[in-house]
């Protein structure tokens, strides 16, 4: 159980992962700020559906895929971020019965 909790970054940590993926890109400050704001906003809207259950590696992969879109000159939007999420959610670690156990453990461990 602890492995699941330790391995699932919170929203702020996921935003930092995305920012780190944007750092080496040759993009304007405006593009960077817009991408970071949309990334966070989108994650907030879908947080409890799947994103909160991504482990660290899955979070890195998601942040990297989103950064790749920005690197290619595309704006992040709900459609392309949702497509990445849908694709990745199919193979995520915490799903089905594991997700149910995760939720039950989370309820027990929170004040």
Foldseek 3Di string as FASTA:
>chain_A
DVQQVVFFDDLVVLLVLLLVLQVVAPDDPVLSVQQSVVVSVLCVVCVVPANRRATNVLSNVLSNVSSVCVSVVHRDDPVVSVVSVVVSSVPGDCDDPNVVVVVVVVVVPDD
